[in-house]
């Protein structure tokens, strides 16, 4: 059973890294939205393509509150929830399998 525990632990670690990287992409996209970026810049286009599919449903529900877009904040909170609940649960489950 320790092999399955190690596999689940590895999946949890990779998921943690992916979520951390995506959180930084969300933060950078939010910061870039404060200025007037060149829409033809490849970095700006990547940021919009990576974050808009996640932001769009949240924006539909919340709208803009006084002209402020809170969708990046909600995404970051969701990432933290996943990291502290789902990934921590996976790590604990892997630890219990490894015993």
N, C-alpha and C. Protein backbone atom coordinates (compact mmCIF):
# COMPACT_ATOMS: atom_id res chain seq x y z
N UNK A 1 0.80 -1.20 0.00
CA UNK A 1 0.00 0.00 0.00
C UNK A 1 0.84 1.27 0.00
N UNK A 2 2.12 1.17 0.37
CA UNK A 2 2.95 2.36 0.43
C UNK A 2 3.16 2.96 -0.96
N UNK A 3 3.08 2.15 -2.02
CA UNK A 3 3.25 2.67 -3.37
C UNK A 3 2.08 3.58 -3.73
N UNK A 4 0.90 3.16 -3.40
CA UNK A 4 -0.28 3.99 -3.66
C UNK A 4 -0.21 5.26 -2.82
N UNK A 5 0.24 5.14 -1.58
CA UNK A 5 0.40 6.32 -0.73
C UNK A 5 1.41 7.29 -1.30
N UNK A 6 2.52 6.79 -1.81
CA UNK A 6 3.52 7.66 -2.43
C UNK A 6 2.97 8.32 -3.69
N UNK A 7 2.20 7.57 -4.47
CA UNK A 7 1.61 8.14 -5.67
C UNK A 7 0.64 9.26 -5.33
N UNK A 8 -0.22 9.04 -4.35
CA UNK A 8 -1.17 10.07 -3.95
C UNK A 8 -0.44 11.28 -3.38
N UNK A 9 0.62 11.04 -2.64
CA UNK A 9 1.42 12.15 -2.11
C UNK A 9 2.05 12.96 -3.24
N UNK A 10 2.54 12.27 -4.26
CA UNK A 10 3.14 12.97 -5.41
C UNK A 10 2.09 13.78 -6.16
N UNK A 11 0.90 13.21 -6.33
CA UNK A 11 -0.19 13.93 -6.99
C UNK A 11 -0.54 15.19 -6.19
N UNK A 12 -0.59 15.08 -4.88
CA UNK A 12 -0.89 16.23 -4.04
C UNK A 12 0.17 17.31 -4.19
N UNK A 13 1.43 16.92 -4.23
CA UNK A 13 2.50 17.91 -4.37
C UNK A 13 2.46 18.60 -5.72
N UNK A 14 2.24 17.85 -6.78
CA UNK A 14 2.16 18.44 -8.12
C UNK A 14 0.97 19.37 -8.21
N UNK A 15 -0.17 18.96 -7.67
CA UNK A 15 -1.35 19.81 -7.66
C UNK A 15 -1.10 21.08 -6.87
N UNK A 16 -0.38 20.99 -5.78
CA UNK A 16 -0.04 22.16 -4.98
C UNK A 16 0.81 23.13 -5.79
N UNK A 17 1.79 22.62 -6.52
CA UNK A 17 2.66 23.48 -7.34
C UNK A 17 1.86 24.13 -8.47
N UNK A 18 1.00 23.36 -9.13
CA UNK A 18 0.19 23.90 -10.23
C UNK A 18 -0.74 25.00 -9.72
N UNK A 19 -1.37 24.77 -8.59
CA UNK A 19 -2.26 25.79 -8.03
C UNK A 19 -1.50 27.05 -7.62
N UNK A 20 -0.30 26.89 -7.08
CA UNK A 20 0.51 28.05 -6.71
C UNK A 20 0.90 28.85 -7.94
N UNK A 21 1.31 28.15 -9.00
CA UNK A 21 1.67 28.85 -10.24
C UNK A 21 0.46 29.58 -10.83
N UNK A 22 -0.70 28.91 -10.82
CA UNK A 22 -1.89 29.56 -11.36
C UNK A 22 -2.31 30.76 -10.51
N UNK A 23 -2.09 30.68 -9.21
CA UNK A 23 -2.40 31.81 -8.35
C UNK A 23 -1.54 33.02 -8.75
N UNK A 24 -0.28 32.78 -9.06
CA UNK A 24 0.59 33.87 -9.49
C UNK A 24 0.17 34.42 -10.84
N UNK A 25 -0.31 33.56 -11.73
CA UNK A 25 -0.83 34.03 -13.02
C UNK A 25 -2.04 34.93 -12.79
N UNK A 26 -2.91 34.56 -11.87
CA UNK A 26 -4.09 35.37 -11.54
C UNK A 26 -3.65 36.72 -10.97
N UNK A 27 -2.69 36.70 -10.08
CA UNK A 27 -2.20 37.95 -9.47
C UNK A 27 -1.60 38.87 -10.53
N UNK A 28 -0.78 38.31 -11.41
CA UNK A 28 -0.15 39.12 -12.46
C UNK A 28 -1.21 39.66 -13.42
N UNK A 29 -2.21 38.83 -13.77
CA UNK A 29 -3.28 39.30 -14.65
C UNK A 29 -4.07 40.43 -14.00
N UNK A 30 -4.31 40.33 -12.70
CA UNK A 30 -5.03 41.39 -12.00
C UNK A 30 -4.20 42.68 -11.97
N UNK A 31 -2.91 42.55 -11.72
CA UNK A 31 -2.06 43.74 -11.69
C UNK A 31 -1.95 44.38 -13.07
N UNK A 32 -1.87 43.56 -14.10
CA UNK A 32 -1.77 44.09 -15.47
C UNK A 32 -3.05 44.80 -15.88
N UNK A 33 -4.19 44.37 -15.33
CA UNK A 33 -5.45 45.01 -15.71
C UNK A 33 -5.56 46.43 -15.17
N UNK A 34 -4.72 46.81 -14.23
CA UNK A 34 -4.75 48.16 -13.68
C UNK A 34 -4.15 49.18 -14.63
N UNK A 35 -3.29 48.73 -15.53
CA UNK A 35 -2.68 49.63 -16.51
C UNK A 35 -3.34 49.36 -17.85
N UNK A 36 -2.95 50.08 -18.85
CA UNK A 36 -3.51 49.90 -20.18
C UNK A 36 -2.52 49.04 -21.00
N UNK A 37 -2.62 47.70 -20.88
CA UNK A 37 -1.63 46.86 -21.56
C UNK A 37 -1.92 46.77 -23.06
N UNK A 38 -0.87 46.49 -23.80
CA UNK A 38 -1.00 46.27 -25.24
C UNK A 38 -1.69 44.92 -25.47
N UNK A 39 -2.89 44.90 -26.06
CA UNK A 39 -3.61 43.63 -26.22
C UNK A 39 -2.94 42.67 -27.19
N UNK A 40 -1.97 43.14 -27.97
CA UNK A 40 -1.27 42.28 -28.92
C UNK A 40 0.02 41.70 -28.35
N UNK A 41 0.37 42.10 -27.15
CA UNK A 41 1.55 41.55 -26.50
C UNK A 41 1.30 40.08 -26.18
N UNK A 42 2.23 39.18 -26.53
CA UNK A 42 1.99 37.75 -26.30
C UNK A 42 1.81 37.39 -24.82
N UNK A 43 2.48 38.09 -23.94
CA UNK A 43 2.34 37.79 -22.51
C UNK A 43 0.95 38.19 -22.03
N UNK A 44 0.48 39.34 -22.46
CA UNK A 44 -0.85 39.80 -22.08
C UNK A 44 -1.91 38.87 -22.65
N UNK A 45 -1.73 38.44 -23.88
CA UNK A 45 -2.68 37.51 -24.49
C UNK A 45 -2.71 36.19 -23.74
N UNK A 46 -1.53 35.68 -23.33
CA UNK A 46 -1.49 34.44 -22.55
C UNK A 46 -2.21 34.61 -21.22
N UNK A 47 -1.97 35.72 -20.54
CA UNK A 47 -2.62 35.95 -19.25
C UNK A 47 -4.13 35.99 -19.38
N UNK A 48 -4.62 36.67 -20.42
CA UNK A 48 -6.07 36.73 -20.62
C UNK A 48 -6.64 35.36 -20.98
N UNK A 49 -5.94 34.62 -21.83
CA UNK A 49 -6.43 33.29 -22.21
C UNK A 49 -6.39 32.32 -21.04
N UNK A 50 -5.46 32.50 -20.14
CA UNK A 50 -5.34 31.59 -18.99
C UNK A 50 -6.32 31.93 -17.87
N UNK A 51 -6.73 33.18 -17.77
CA UNK A 51 -7.58 33.56 -16.65
C UNK A 51 -9.04 33.85 -17.02
N UNK A 52 -9.29 34.28 -18.23
CA UNK A 52 -10.68 34.63 -18.60
C UNK A 52 -11.67 33.48 -18.47
N UNK A 53 -11.33 32.24 -18.84
CA UNK A 53 -12.32 31.16 -18.65
C UNK A 53 -12.71 30.94 -17.20
N UNK A 54 -11.84 31.30 -16.26
CA UNK A 54 -12.16 31.16 -14.84
C UNK A 54 -12.87 32.41 -14.33
N UNK A 55 -12.45 33.57 -14.80
CA UNK A 55 -13.05 34.83 -14.34
C UNK A 55 -14.47 35.02 -14.87
N UNK A 56 -14.73 34.62 -16.11
CA UNK A 56 -16.00 34.93 -16.76
C UNK A 56 -17.23 34.46 -15.98
N UNK A 57 -17.30 33.18 -15.51
CA UNK A 57 -18.49 32.79 -14.74
C UNK A 57 -18.64 33.54 -13.43
N UNK A 58 -17.52 33.87 -12.81
CA UNK A 58 -17.57 34.62 -11.56
C UNK A 58 -18.05 36.04 -11.81
N UNK A 59 -17.58 36.64 -12.89
CA UNK A 59 -18.03 37.99 -13.24
C UNK A 59 -19.52 38.02 -13.55
N UNK A 60 -20.03 36.94 -14.17
CA UNK A 60 -21.46 36.88 -14.46
C UNK A 60 -22.28 36.90 -13.18
N UNK A 61 -21.79 36.21 -12.16
CA UNK A 61 -22.53 36.13 -10.90
C UNK A 61 -22.37 37.41 -10.08
N UNK A 62 -21.14 37.89 -9.96
CA UNK A 62 -20.88 39.04 -9.08
C UNK A 62 -21.04 40.38 -9.77
N UNK A 63 -20.78 40.43 -11.07
CA UNK A 63 -20.80 41.71 -11.76
C UNK A 63 -19.60 42.54 -11.31
N UNK A 64 -19.66 43.81 -11.55
CA UNK A 64 -18.61 44.70 -11.04
C UNK A 64 -19.22 45.50 -9.91
N UNK A 65 -18.62 45.39 -8.78
CA UNK A 65 -19.12 46.08 -7.60
C UNK A 65 -18.49 47.47 -7.52
N UNK A 66 -19.23 48.46 -7.98
CA UNK A 66 -18.71 49.82 -7.96
C UNK A 66 -17.55 50.00 -8.91
N UNK A 67 -17.52 49.23 -9.99
CA UNK A 67 -16.43 49.33 -10.96
C UNK A 67 -15.21 48.51 -10.59
N UNK A 68 -15.30 47.76 -9.52
CA UNK A 68 -14.17 46.93 -9.08
C UNK A 68 -14.48 45.47 -9.39
N UNK A 69 -13.56 44.82 -10.08
CA UNK A 69 -13.72 43.42 -10.43
C UNK A 69 -13.11 42.58 -9.30
N UNK A 70 -13.95 41.82 -8.59
CA UNK A 70 -13.46 41.01 -7.48
C UNK A 70 -13.24 39.56 -7.86
N UNK A 71 -13.38 39.24 -9.15
CA UNK A 71 -13.20 37.84 -9.57
C UNK A 71 -11.79 37.31 -9.29
N UNK A 72 -10.71 38.09 -9.45
CA UNK A 72 -9.39 37.54 -9.09
C UNK A 72 -9.30 37.19 -7.60
N UNK A 73 -9.91 38.00 -6.75
CA UNK A 73 -9.89 37.73 -5.32
C UNK A 73 -10.64 36.44 -5.00
N UNK A 74 -11.78 36.24 -5.64
CA UNK A 74 -12.55 35.02 -5.42
C UNK A 74 -11.78 33.79 -5.91
N UNK A 75 -11.09 33.92 -7.05
CA UNK A 75 -10.29 32.80 -7.56
C UNK A 75 -9.15 32.48 -6.61
N UNK A 76 -8.50 33.50 -6.09
CA UNK A 76 -7.39 33.27 -5.15
C UNK A 76 -7.90 32.61 -3.87
N UNK A 77 -9.05 33.05 -3.38
CA UNK A 77 -9.63 32.40 -2.20
C UNK A 77 -10.00 30.95 -2.48
N UNK A 78 -10.51 30.68 -3.66
CA UNK A 78 -10.84 29.30 -4.03
C UNK A 78 -9.58 28.44 -4.12
N UNK A 79 -8.51 29.02 -4.64
CA UNK A 79 -7.24 28.28 -4.72
C UNK A 79 -6.74 27.96 -3.31
N UNK A 80 -6.81 28.93 -2.40
CA UNK A 80 -6.38 28.67 -1.03
C UNK A 80 -7.26 27.61 -0.36
N UNK A 81 -8.56 27.65 -0.63
CA UNK A 81 -9.44 26.63 -0.08
C UNK A 81 -9.06 25.25 -0.58
N UNK A 82 -8.81 25.13 -1.87
CA UNK A 82 -8.41 23.84 -2.43
C UNK A 82 -7.08 23.38 -1.84
N UNK A 83 -6.15 24.33 -1.68
CA UNK A 83 -4.84 23.96 -1.13
C UNK A 83 -4.95 23.48 0.31
N UNK A 84 -5.74 24.18 1.11
CA UNK A 84 -5.80 23.84 2.54
C UNK A 84 -6.81 22.75 2.86
N UNK A 85 -7.74 22.46 1.97
CA UNK A 85 -8.70 21.40 2.23
C UNK A 85 -8.38 20.14 1.41
N UNK A 86 -8.42 20.26 0.11
CA UNK A 86 -8.28 19.08 -0.75
C UNK A 86 -6.85 18.53 -0.73
N UNK A 87 -5.88 19.39 -0.88
CA UNK A 87 -4.51 18.91 -0.91
C UNK A 87 -4.08 18.41 0.45
N UNK A 88 -4.48 19.09 1.50
CA UNK A 88 -4.16 18.61 2.85
C UNK A 88 -4.82 17.26 3.11
N UNK A 89 -6.04 17.09 2.62
CA UNK A 89 -6.72 15.79 2.78
C UNK A 89 -6.01 14.70 1.99
N UNK A 90 -5.55 15.02 0.79
CA UNK A 90 -4.80 14.04 0.00
C UNK A 90 -3.50 13.65 0.70
N UNK A 91 -2.82 14.64 1.25
CA UNK A 91 -1.57 14.34 1.97
C UNK A 91 -1.83 13.45 3.18
N UNK A 92 -2.87 13.75 3.93
CA UNK A 92 -3.21 12.94 5.11
C UNK A 92 -3.59 11.52 4.69
N UNK A 93 -4.36 11.40 3.63
CA UNK A 93 -4.76 10.09 3.12
C UNK A 93 -3.53 9.30 2.67
N UNK A 94 -2.61 9.96 1.99
CA UNK A 94 -1.38 9.29 1.55
C UNK A 94 -0.55 8.85 2.74
N UNK A 95 -0.49 9.70 3.77
CA UNK A 95 0.26 9.35 4.96
C UNK A 95 -0.32 8.11 5.64
N UNK A 96 -1.64 8.06 5.71
CA UNK A 96 -2.30 6.91 6.35
C UNK A 96 -2.13 5.63 5.53
N UNK A 97 -2.07 5.75 4.21
CA UNK A 97 -1.82 4.57 3.38
C UNK A 97 -0.40 4.08 3.52
N UNK A 98 0.53 5.00 3.78
CA UNK A 98 1.94 4.66 3.86
C UNK A 98 2.35 3.99 5.17
N UNK A 99 1.48 4.06 6.16
CA UNK A 99 1.82 3.44 7.45
C UNK A 99 1.81 1.96 7.41
